[in-house]
């Protein structure tokens, strides 16, 4: 499976947080990048989360309104954990 850099960041961040993490944590992806507007950041994170949920790698928790979903938290599925292993490689990298 091919993933964007943001999707890779989301999967690895969820794995590092014990499998379940808050949506606000995903905005930190843009700290080292050229920062688009806050609305664009939120839209990009929302689309990335929805696509990962559609692929079956994440489970979303939030509120459903008649028009749309508001995702608050996400949790990795077993398929998501396998995808993280593939992204990181079988041996985790050491950070310096």
PDB file of N, CA and C in Angstrom:
ATOM      1  N   UNK A   1       0.822  -1.168   0.000  1.00  0.00           N
ATOM      2  CA  UNK A   1       0.000   0.000   0.000  1.00  0.00           C
ATOM      3  C   UNK A   1       0.879   1.249   0.000  1.00  0.00           C
ATOM      4  N   UNK A   2       0.461   2.248  -0.729  1.00  0.00           N
ATOM      5  CA  UNK A   2       1.190   3.504  -0.756  1.00  0.00           C
ATOM      6  C   UNK A   2       0.527   4.489   0.194  1.00  0.00           C
ATOM      7  N   UNK A   3       1.368   5.210   0.924  1.00  0.00           N
ATOM      8  CA  UNK A   3       0.879   6.190   1.883  1.00  0.00           C
ATOM      9  C   UNK A   3       1.560   7.521   1.637  1.00  0.00           C
ATOM     10  N   UNK A   4       0.841   8.593   1.916  1.00  0.00           N
ATOM     11  CA  UNK A   4       1.451   9.917   1.872  1.00  0.00           C
ATOM     12  C   UNK A   4       2.288  10.093   3.143  1.00  0.00           C
ATOM     13  N   UNK A   5       3.097  11.144   3.173  1.00  0.00           N
ATOM     14  CA  UNK A   5       3.905  11.403   4.356  1.00  0.00           C
ATOM     15  C   UNK A   5       3.027  11.674   5.577  1.00  0.00           C
ATOM     16  N   UNK A   6       1.931  12.375   5.379  1.00  0.00           N
ATOM     17  CA  UNK A   6       1.016  12.656   6.486  1.00  0.00           C
ATOM     18  C   UNK A   6       0.381  11.376   7.004  1.00  0.00           C
ATOM     19  N   UNK A   7      -0.017  10.487   6.111  1.00  0.00           N
ATOM     20  CA  UNK A   7      -0.612   9.220   6.536  1.00  0.00           C
ATOM     21  C   UNK A   7       0.407   8.370   7.295  1.00  0.00           C
ATOM     22  N   UNK A   8       1.649   8.352   6.836  1.00  0.00           N
ATOM     23  CA  UNK A   8       2.696   7.624   7.561  1.00  0.00           C
ATOM     24  C   UNK A   8       2.874   8.203   8.955  1.00  0.00           C
ATOM     25  N   UNK A   9       2.885   9.537   9.030  1.00  0.00           N
ATOM     26  CA  UNK A   9       3.042  10.196  10.326  1.00  0.00           C
ATOM     27  C   UNK A   9       1.896   9.825  11.267  1.00  0.00           C
ATOM     28  N   UNK A  10       0.683   9.809  10.754  1.00  0.00           N
ATOM     29  CA  UNK A  10      -0.485   9.478  11.577  1.00  0.00           C
ATOM     30  C   UNK A  10      -0.382   8.056  12.111  1.00  0.00           C
ATOM     31  N   UNK A  11      -0.036   7.109  11.255  1.00  0.00           N
ATOM     32  CA  UNK A  11       0.055   5.713  11.684  1.00  0.00           C
ATOM     33  C   UNK A  11       1.153   5.522  12.730  1.00  0.00           C
ATOM     34  N   UNK A  12       2.312   6.103  12.496  1.00  0.00           N
ATOM     35  CA  UNK A  12       3.419   5.952  13.437  1.00  0.00           C
ATOM     36  C   UNK A  12       3.107   6.664  14.757  1.00  0.00           C
ATOM     37  N   UNK A  13       2.456   7.830  14.689  1.00  0.00           N
ATOM     38  CA  UNK A  13       2.099   8.557  15.912  1.00  0.00           C
ATOM     39  C   UNK A  13       1.092   7.764  16.741  1.00  0.00           C
ATOM     40  N   UNK A  14       0.142   7.112  16.094  1.00  0.00           N
ATOM     41  CA  UNK A  14      -0.830   6.299  16.827  1.00  0.00           C
ATOM     42  C   UNK A  14      -0.149   5.100  17.481  1.00  0.00           C
ATOM     43  N   UNK A  15       0.775   4.515  16.782  1.00  0.00           N
ATOM     44  CA  UNK A  15       1.494   3.365  17.339  1.00  0.00           C
ATOM     45  C   UNK A  15       2.335   3.785  18.538  1.00  0.00           C
ATOM     46  N   UNK A  16       2.950   4.954  18.438  1.00  0.00           N
ATOM     47  CA  UNK A  16       3.767   5.447  19.544  1.00  0.00           C
ATOM     48  C   UNK A  16       2.944   5.835  20.760  1.00  0.00           C
ATOM     49  N   UNK A  17       1.693   6.162  20.558  1.00  0.00           N
ATOM     50  CA  UNK A  17       0.823   6.557  21.666  1.00  0.00           C
ATOM     51  C   UNK A  17       0.090   5.362  22.266  1.00  0.00           C
ATOM     52  N   UNK A  18       0.449   4.175  21.891  1.00  0.00           N
ATOM     53  CA  UNK A  18      -0.202   2.999  22.455  1.00  0.00           C
ATOM     54  C   UNK A  18      -1.401   2.525  21.670  1.00  0.00           C
ATOM     55  N   UNK A  19      -1.566   3.021  20.456  1.00  0.00           N
ATOM     56  CA  UNK A  19      -2.646   2.548  19.614  1.00  0.00           C
ATOM     57  C   UNK A  19      -3.807   3.495  19.471  1.00  0.00           C
ATOM     58  N   UNK A  20      -3.998   4.387  20.437  1.00  0.00           N
ATOM     59  CA  UNK A  20      -5.114   5.332  20.355  1.00  0.00           C
ATOM     60  C   UNK A  20      -4.593   6.733  20.639  1.00  0.00           C
ATOM     61  N   UNK A  21      -4.940   7.671  19.785  1.00  0.00           N
ATOM     62  CA  UNK A  21      -4.445   9.028  19.995  1.00  0.00           C
ATOM     63  C   UNK A  21      -5.489  10.056  19.571  1.00  0.00           C
ATOM     64  N   UNK A  22      -5.285  11.262  20.050  1.00  0.00           N
ATOM     65  CA  UNK A  22      -6.191  12.363  19.802  1.00  0.00           C
ATOM     66  C   UNK A  22      -5.876  12.999  18.453  1.00  0.00           C
ATOM     67  N   UNK A  23      -6.855  13.563  17.848  1.00  0.00           N
ATOM     68  CA  UNK A  23      -6.718  14.187  16.537  1.00  0.00           C
ATOM     69  C   UNK A  23      -5.806  15.406  16.581  1.00  0.00           C
ATOM     70  N   UNK A  24      -5.788  16.129  17.695  1.00  0.00           N
ATOM     71  CA  UNK A  24      -4.962  17.329  17.804  1.00  0.00           C
ATOM     72  C   UNK A  24      -3.485  17.022  17.652  1.00  0.00           C
ATOM     73  N   UNK A  25      -3.099  15.814  17.974  1.00  0.00           N
ATOM     74  CA  UNK A  25      -1.694  15.430  17.870  1.00  0.00           C
ATOM     75  C   UNK A  25      -1.216  15.405  16.412  1.00  0.00           C
ATOM     76  N   UNK A  26      -2.128  15.245  15.474  1.00  0.00           N
ATOM     77  CA  UNK A  26      -1.759  15.135  14.063  1.00  0.00           C
ATOM     78  C   UNK A  26      -1.305  16.460  13.466  1.00  0.00           C
ATOM     79  N   UNK A  27      -1.716  17.585  14.052  1.00  0.00           N
ATOM     80  CA  UNK A  27      -1.341  18.897  13.538  1.00  0.00           C
ATOM     81  C   UNK A  27       0.156  19.127  13.708  1.00  0.00           C
ATOM     82  N   UNK A  28       0.805  18.428  14.647  1.00  0.00           N
ATOM     83  CA  UNK A  28       2.235  18.608  14.868  1.00  0.00           C
ATOM     84  C   UNK A  28       3.063  18.207  13.650  1.00  0.00           C
ATOM     85  N   UNK A  29       2.465  17.506  12.726  1.00  0.00           N
ATOM     86  CA  UNK A  29       3.160  17.146  11.481  1.00  0.00           C
ATOM     87  C   UNK A  29       3.640  18.399  10.755  1.00  0.00           C
ATOM     88  N   UNK A  30       2.908  19.475  10.874  1.00  0.00           N
ATOM     89  CA  UNK A  30       3.216  20.692  10.132  1.00  0.00           C
ATOM     90  C   UNK A  30       4.209  21.605  10.841  1.00  0.00           C
ATOM     91  N   UNK A  31       4.745  21.215  11.998  1.00  0.00           N
ATOM     92  CA  UNK A  31       5.702  22.064  12.699  1.00  0.00           C
ATOM     93  C   UNK A  31       7.000  22.231  11.923  1.00  0.00           C
ATOM     94  N   UNK A  32       7.467  21.183  11.271  1.00  0.00           N
ATOM     95  CA  UNK A  32       8.732  21.255  10.555  1.00  0.00           C
ATOM     96  C   UNK A  32       8.550  21.562   9.075  1.00  0.00           C
ATOM     97  N   UNK A  33       7.335  21.566   8.602  1.00  0.00           N
ATOM     98  CA  UNK A  33       7.046  21.811   7.188  1.00  0.00           C
ATOM     99  C   UNK A  33       6.715  23.274   6.962  1.00  0.00           C
ATOM    100  N   UNK A  34       6.628  23.655   5.698  1.00  0.00           N
ATOM    101  CA  UNK A  34       6.117  24.977   5.363  1.00  0.00           C
ATOM    102  C   UNK A  34       4.650  24.984   5.759  1.00  0.00           C
ATOM    103  N   UNK A  35       4.274  25.918   6.603  1.00  0.00           N
ATOM    104  CA  UNK A  35       2.948  25.871   7.213  1.00  0.00           C
ATOM    105  C   UNK A  35       1.878  26.489   6.317  1.00  0.00           C
ATOM    106  N   UNK A  36       0.923  25.690   5.883  1.00  0.00           N
ATOM    107  CA  UNK A  36      -0.264  26.268   5.242  1.00  0.00           C
ATOM    108  C   UNK A  36      -1.171  26.859   6.318  1.00  0.00           C
ATOM    109  N   UNK A  37      -2.254  27.447   5.929  1.00  0.00           N
ATOM    110  CA  UNK A  37      -3.178  28.022   6.904  1.00  0.00           C
ATOM    111  C   UNK A  37      -3.742  26.920   7.798  1.00  0.00           C
ATOM    112  N   UNK A  38      -4.236  27.323   8.955  1.00  0.00           N
ATOM    113  CA  UNK A  38      -4.753  26.352   9.913  1.00  0.00           C
ATOM    114  C   UNK A  38      -5.930  25.568   9.332  1.00  0.00           C
ATOM    115  N   UNK A  39      -6.773  26.233   8.562  1.00  0.00           N
ATOM    116  CA  UNK A  39      -7.914  25.552   7.947  1.00  0.00           C
ATOM    117  C   UNK A  39      -7.444  24.473   6.983  1.00  0.00           C
ATOM    118  N   UNK A  40      -6.403  24.774   6.188  1.00  0.00           N
ATOM    119  CA  UNK A  40      -5.867  23.780   5.262  1.00  0.00           C
ATOM    120  C   UNK A  40      -5.245  22.602   6.007  1.00  0.00           C
ATOM    121  N   UNK A  41      -4.582  22.881   7.141  1.00  0.00           N
ATOM    122  CA  UNK A  41      -4.008  21.803   7.938  1.00  0.00           C
ATOM    123  C   UNK A  41      -5.093  20.871   8.450  1.00  0.00           C
ATOM    124  N   UNK A  42      -6.154  21.444   8.978  1.00  0.00           N
ATOM    125  CA  UNK A  42      -7.254  20.644   9.530  1.00  0.00           C
ATOM    126  C   UNK A  42      -7.926  19.838   8.423  1.00  0.00           C
ATOM    127  N   UNK A  43      -8.130  20.449   7.259  1.00  0.00           N
ATOM    128  CA  UNK A  43      -8.752  19.740   6.140  1.00  0.00           C
ATOM    129  C   UNK A  43      -7.891  18.571   5.672  1.00  0.00           C
ATOM    130  N   UNK A  44      -6.582  18.782   5.591  1.00  0.00           N
ATOM    131  CA  UNK A  44      -5.681  17.720   5.144  1.00  0.00           C
ATOM    132  C   UNK A  44      -5.668  16.563   6.136  1.00  0.00           C
ATOM    133  N   UNK A  45      -5.623  16.884   7.417  1.00  0.00           N
ATOM    134  CA  UNK A  45      -5.636  15.830   8.441  1.00  0.00           C
ATOM    135  C   UNK A  45      -6.953  15.070   8.404  1.00  0.00           C
ATOM    136  N   UNK A  46      -8.052  15.776   8.228  1.00  0.00           N
ATOM    137  CA  UNK A  46      -9.363  15.132   8.171  1.00  0.00           C
ATOM    138  C   UNK A  46      -9.437  14.165   6.996  1.00  0.00           C
ATOM    139  N   UNK A  47      -9.003  14.589   5.821  1.00  0.00           N
ATOM    140  CA  UNK A  47      -9.049  13.714   4.652  1.00  0.00           C
ATOM    141  C   UNK A  47      -8.137  12.509   4.828  1.00  0.00           C
ATOM    142  N   UNK A  48      -6.955  12.725   5.406  1.00  0.00           N
ATOM    143  CA  UNK A  48      -6.033  11.610   5.623  1.00  0.00           C
ATOM    144  C   UNK A  48      -6.639  10.606   6.600  1.00  0.00           C
ATOM    145  N   UNK A  49      -7.245  11.093   7.676  1.00  0.00           N
ATOM    146  CA  UNK A  49      -7.875  10.188   8.647  1.00  0.00           C
ATOM    147  C   UNK A  49      -9.016   9.412   8.009  1.00  0.00           C
ATOM    148  N   UNK A  50      -9.857  10.096   7.241  1.00  0.00           N
ATOM    149  CA  UNK A  50     -10.990   9.417   6.608  1.00  0.00           C
ATOM    150  C   UNK A  50     -10.518   8.351   5.625  1.00  0.00           C
ATOM    151  N   UNK A  51      -9.467   8.619   4.894  1.00  0.00           N
ATOM    152  CA  UNK A  51      -8.967   7.632   3.939  1.00  0.00           C
ATOM    153  C   UNK A  51      -8.352   6.435   4.642  1.00  0.00           C
ATOM    154  N   UNK A  52      -7.657   6.665   5.750  1.00  0.00           N
ATOM    155  CA  UNK A  52      -7.096   5.545   6.508  1.00  0.00           C
ATOM    156  C   UNK A  52      -8.209   4.720   7.155  1.00  0.00           C
ATOM    157  N   UNK A  53      -9.285   5.373   7.575  1.00  0.00           N
ATOM    158  CA  UNK A  53     -10.431   4.644   8.138  1.00  0.00           C
ATOM    159  C   UNK A  53     -11.094   3.815   7.042  1.00  0.00           C
ATOM    160  N   UNK A  54     -11.226   4.378   5.840  1.00  0.00           N
ATOM    161  CA  UNK A  54     -11.832   3.638   4.728  1.00  0.00           C
ATOM    162  C   UNK A  54     -11.006   2.417   4.338  1.00  0.00           C
ATOM    163  N   UNK A  55      -9.691   2.512   4.467  1.00  0.00           N
ATOM    164  CA  UNK A  55      -8.825   1.376   4.150  1.00  0.00           C
ATOM    165  C   UNK A  55      -8.841   0.306   5.231  1.00  0.00           C
ATOM    166  N   UNK A  56      -9.409   0.620   6.391  1.00  0.00           N
ATOM    167  CA  UNK A  56      -9.488  -0.359   7.470  1.00  0.00           C
ATOM    168  C   UNK A  56      -8.275  -0.357   8.372  1.00  0.00           C
ATOM    169  N   UNK A  57      -7.472   0.703   8.340  1.00  0.00           N
ATOM    170  CA  UNK A  57      -6.273   0.761   9.169  1.00  0.00           C
ATOM    171  C   UNK A  57      -6.516   1.486  10.487  1.00  0.00           C
ATOM    172  N   UNK A  58      -7.550   2.292  10.547  1.00  0.00           N
ATOM    173  CA  UNK A  58      -7.895   3.040  11.754  1.00  0.00           C
ATOM    174  C   UNK A  58      -9.384   2.899  12.042  1.00  0.00           C
ATOM    175  N   UNK A  59      -9.733   3.085  13.300  1.00  0.00           N
ATOM    176  CA  UNK A  59     -11.122   3.185  13.727  1.00  0.00           C
ATOM    177  C   UNK A  59     -11.278   4.580  14.304  1.00  0.00           C
ATOM    178  N   UNK A  60     -12.283   5.314  13.857  1.00  0.00           N
ATOM    179  CA  UNK A  60     -12.490   6.680  14.323  1.00  0.00           C
ATOM    180  C   UNK A  60     -13.553   6.748  15.392  1.00  0.00           C
ATOM    181  N   UNK A  61     -13.339   7.617  16.381  1.00  0.00           N
ATOM    182  CA  UNK A  61     -14.307   7.871  17.441  1.00  0.00           C
ATOM    183  C   UNK A  61     -14.652   9.348  17.398  1.00  0.00           C
ATOM    184  N   UNK A  62     -15.932   9.666  17.438  1.00  0.00           N
ATOM    185  CA  UNK A  62     -16.337  11.052  17.392  1.00  0.00           C
ATOM    186  C   UNK A  62     -17.844  11.194  17.423  1.00  0.00           C
ATOM    187  N   UNK A  63     -18.307  12.250  16.794  1.00  0.00           N
ATOM    188  CA  UNK A  63     -19.726  12.586  16.794  1.00  0.00           C
ATOM    189  C   UNK A  63     -20.235  12.564  15.367  1.00  0.00           C
ATOM    190  N   UNK A  64     -21.395  11.987  15.179  1.00  0.00           N
ATOM    191  CA  UNK A  64     -22.020  11.931  13.861  1.00  0.00           C
ATOM    192  C   UNK A  64     -23.166  12.926  13.832  1.00  0.00           C
ATOM    193  N   UNK A  65     -23.118  13.851  12.892  1.00  0.00           N
ATOM    194  CA  UNK A  65     -24.235  14.758  12.673  1.00  0.00           C
ATOM    195  C   UNK A  65     -24.913  14.330  11.383  1.00  0.00           C
ATOM    196  N   UNK A  66     -26.061  14.873  11.068  1.00  0.00           N
ATOM    197  CA  UNK A  66     -26.729  14.463   9.825  1.00  0.00           C
ATOM    198  C   UNK A  66     -25.896  14.738   8.563  1.00  0.00           C
ATOM    199  N   UNK A  67     -24.984  15.703   8.622  1.00  0.00           N
ATOM    200  CA  UNK A  67     -24.235  16.045   7.425  1.00  0.00           C
ATOM    201  C   UNK A  67     -22.828  15.487   7.370  1.00  0.00           C
ATOM    202  N   UNK A  68     -22.167  15.290   8.527  1.00  0.00           N
ATOM    203  CA  UNK A  68     -20.784  14.822   8.472  1.00  0.00           C
ATOM    204  C   UNK A  68     -20.339  14.219   9.797  1.00  0.00           C
ATOM    205  N   UNK A  69     -19.136  13.619   9.771  1.00  0.00           N
ATOM    206  CA  UNK A  69     -18.498  13.065  10.955  1.00  0.00           C
ATOM    207  C   UNK A  69     -17.555  14.102  11.544  1.00  0.00           C
ATOM    208  N   UNK A  70     -17.472  14.136  12.861  1.00  0.00           N
ATOM    209  CA  UNK A  70     -16.454  14.915  13.569  1.00  0.00           C
ATOM    210  C   UNK A  70     -15.598  13.910  14.324  1.00  0.00           C
ATOM    211  N   UNK A  71     -14.415  13.644  13.811  1.00  0.00           N
ATOM    212  CA  UNK A  71     -13.537  12.628  14.388  1.00  0.00           C
ATOM    213  C   UNK A  71     -12.713  13.271  15.494  1.00  0.00           C
ATOM    214  N   UNK A  72     -12.779  12.702  16.713  1.00  0.00           N
ATOM    215  CA  UNK A  72     -12.006  13.208  17.843  1.00  0.00           C
ATOM    216  C   UNK A  72     -10.779  12.362  18.105  1.00  0.00           C
ATOM    217  N   UNK A  73     -10.943  11.057  18.150  1.00  0.00           N
ATOM    218  CA  UNK A  73      -9.855  10.125  18.432  1.00  0.00           C
ATOM    219  C   UNK A  73      -9.822   9.058  17.352  1.00  0.00           C
ATOM    220  N   UNK A  74      -8.649   8.450  17.196  1.00  0.00           N
ATOM    221  CA  UNK A  74      -8.511   7.319  16.286  1.00  0.00           C
ATOM    222  C   UNK A  74      -7.737   6.212  16.995  1.00  0.00           C
ATOM    223  N   UNK A  75      -8.001   4.977  16.570  1.00  0.00           N
ATOM    224  CA  UNK A  75      -7.328   3.814  17.140  1.00  0.00           C
ATOM    225  C   UNK A  75      -6.863   2.931  15.999  1.00  0.00           C
ATOM    226  N   UNK A  76      -5.687   2.332  16.169  1.00  0.00           N
ATOM    227  CA  UNK A  76      -5.164   1.419  15.156  1.00  0.00           C
ATOM    228  C   UNK A  76      -5.897   0.084  15.194  1.00  0.00           C
ATOM    229  N   UNK A  77      -6.116  -0.487  14.034  1.00  0.00           N
ATOM    230  CA  UNK A  77      -6.639  -1.841  13.928  1.00  0.00           C
ATOM    231  C   UNK A  77      -5.448  -2.785  13.789  1.00  0.00           C
ATOM    232  N   UNK A  78      -5.647  -4.091  13.863  1.00  0.00           N
ATOM    233  CA  UNK A  78      -4.531  -5.008  13.631  1.00  0.00           C
ATOM    234  C   UNK A  78      -3.884  -4.816  12.255  1.00  0.00           C
ATOM    235  N   UNK A  79      -4.675  -4.516  11.238  1.00  0.00           N
ATOM    236  CA  UNK A  79      -4.101  -4.249   9.916  1.00  0.00           C
ATOM    237  C   UNK A  79      -3.257  -2.977   9.946  1.00  0.00           C
ATOM    238  N   UNK A  80      -3.671  -1.997  10.756  1.00  0.00           N
ATOM    239  CA  UNK A  80      -2.894  -0.770  10.897  1.00  0.00           C
ATOM    240  C   UNK A  80      -1.562  -1.018  11.582  1.00  0.00           C
ATOM    241  N   UNK A  81      -1.551  -1.905  12.576  1.00  0.00           N
ATOM    242  CA  UNK A  81      -0.297  -2.246  13.247  1.00  0.00           C
ATOM    243  C   UNK A  81       0.665  -2.928  12.289  1.00  0.00           C
ATOM    244  N   UNK A  82       0.130  -3.770  11.410  1.00  0.00           N
ATOM    245  CA  UNK A  82       0.983  -4.414  10.408  1.00  0.00           C
ATOM    246  C   UNK A  82       1.543  -3.392   9.435  1.00  0.00           C
ATOM    247  N   UNK A  83       0.727  -2.421   9.059  1.00  0.00           N
ATOM    248  CA  UNK A  83       1.192  -1.371   8.144  1.00  0.00           C
ATOM    249  C   UNK A  83       2.302  -0.540   8.781  1.00  0.00           C
ATOM    250  N   UNK A  84       2.199  -0.283  10.092  1.00  0.00           N
ATOM    251  CA  UNK A  84       3.249   0.466  10.782  1.00  0.00           C
ATOM    252  C   UNK A  84       4.545  -0.323  10.781  1.00  0.00           C
ATOM    253  N   UNK A  85       4.456  -1.628  10.974  1.00  0.00           N
ATOM    254  CA  UNK A  85       5.665  -2.459  10.928  1.00  0.00           C
ATOM    255  C   UNK A  85       6.327  -2.390   9.556  1.00  0.00           C
ATOM    256  N   UNK A  86       5.512  -2.376   8.509  1.00  0.00           N
ATOM    257  CA  UNK A  86       6.062  -2.281   7.156  1.00  0.00           C
ATOM    258  C   UNK A  86       6.697  -0.906   6.939  1.00  0.00           C
ATOM    259  N   UNK A  87       6.059   0.146   7.436  1.00  0.00           N
ATOM    260  CA  UNK A  87       6.587   1.500   7.277  1.00  0.00           C
ATOM    261  C   UNK A  87       7.918   1.650   8.007  1.00  0.00           C
ATOM    262  N   UNK A  88       7.969   1.189   9.221  1.00  0.00           N
ATOM    263  CA  UNK A  88       9.191   1.320  10.018  1.00  0.00           C
ATOM    264  C   UNK A  88      10.246   0.300   9.643  1.00  0.00           C
ATOM    265  N   UNK A  89       9.839  -0.786   9.057  1.00  0.00           N
ATOM    266  CA  UNK A  89      10.748  -1.903   8.841  1.00  0.00           C
ATOM    267  C   UNK A  89      10.613  -2.843  10.032  1.00  0.00           C
ATOM    268  N   UNK A  90      11.133  -4.028   9.927  1.00  0.00           N
ATOM    269  CA  UNK A  90      10.973  -4.986  11.019  1.00  0.00           C
ATOM    270  C   UNK A  90      11.737  -4.546  12.255  1.00  0.00           C
ATOM    271  N   UNK A  91      12.879  -3.883  12.079  1.00  0.00           N
ATOM    272  CA  UNK A  91      13.630  -3.376  13.215  1.00  0.00           C
ATOM    273  C   UNK A  91      13.416  -1.877  13.306  1.00  0.00           C
ATOM    274  N   UNK A  92      13.078  -1.400  14.471  1.00  0.00           N
ATOM    275  CA  UNK A  92      12.846   0.031  14.628  1.00  0.00           C
ATOM    276  C   UNK A  92      14.158   0.779  14.578  1.00  0.00           C
ATOM    277  N   UNK A  93      14.104   1.993  14.053  1.00  0.00           N
ATOM    278  CA  UNK A  93      15.291   2.831  13.969  1.00  0.00           C
ATOM    279  C   UNK A  93      15.582   3.456  15.318  1.00  0.00           C
ATOM    280  N   UNK A  94      16.860   3.635  15.598  1.00  0.00           N
ATOM    281  CA  UNK A  94      17.259   4.337  16.798  1.00  0.00           C
ATOM    282  C   UNK A  94      17.340   5.816  16.513  1.00  0.00           C
ATOM    283  N   UNK A  95      16.799   6.615  17.397  1.00  0.00           N
ATOM    284  CA  UNK A  95      16.861   8.063  17.213  1.00  0.00           C
ATOM    285  C   UNK A  95      18.080   8.605  17.930  1.00  0.00           C
ATOM    286  N   UNK A  96      18.727   9.574  17.315  1.00  0.00           N
ATOM    287  CA  UNK A  96      19.955  10.120  17.903  1.00  0.00           C
ATOM    288  C   UNK A  96      19.697  11.406  18.603  1.00  0.00           C
TER     289      UNK A  96
END
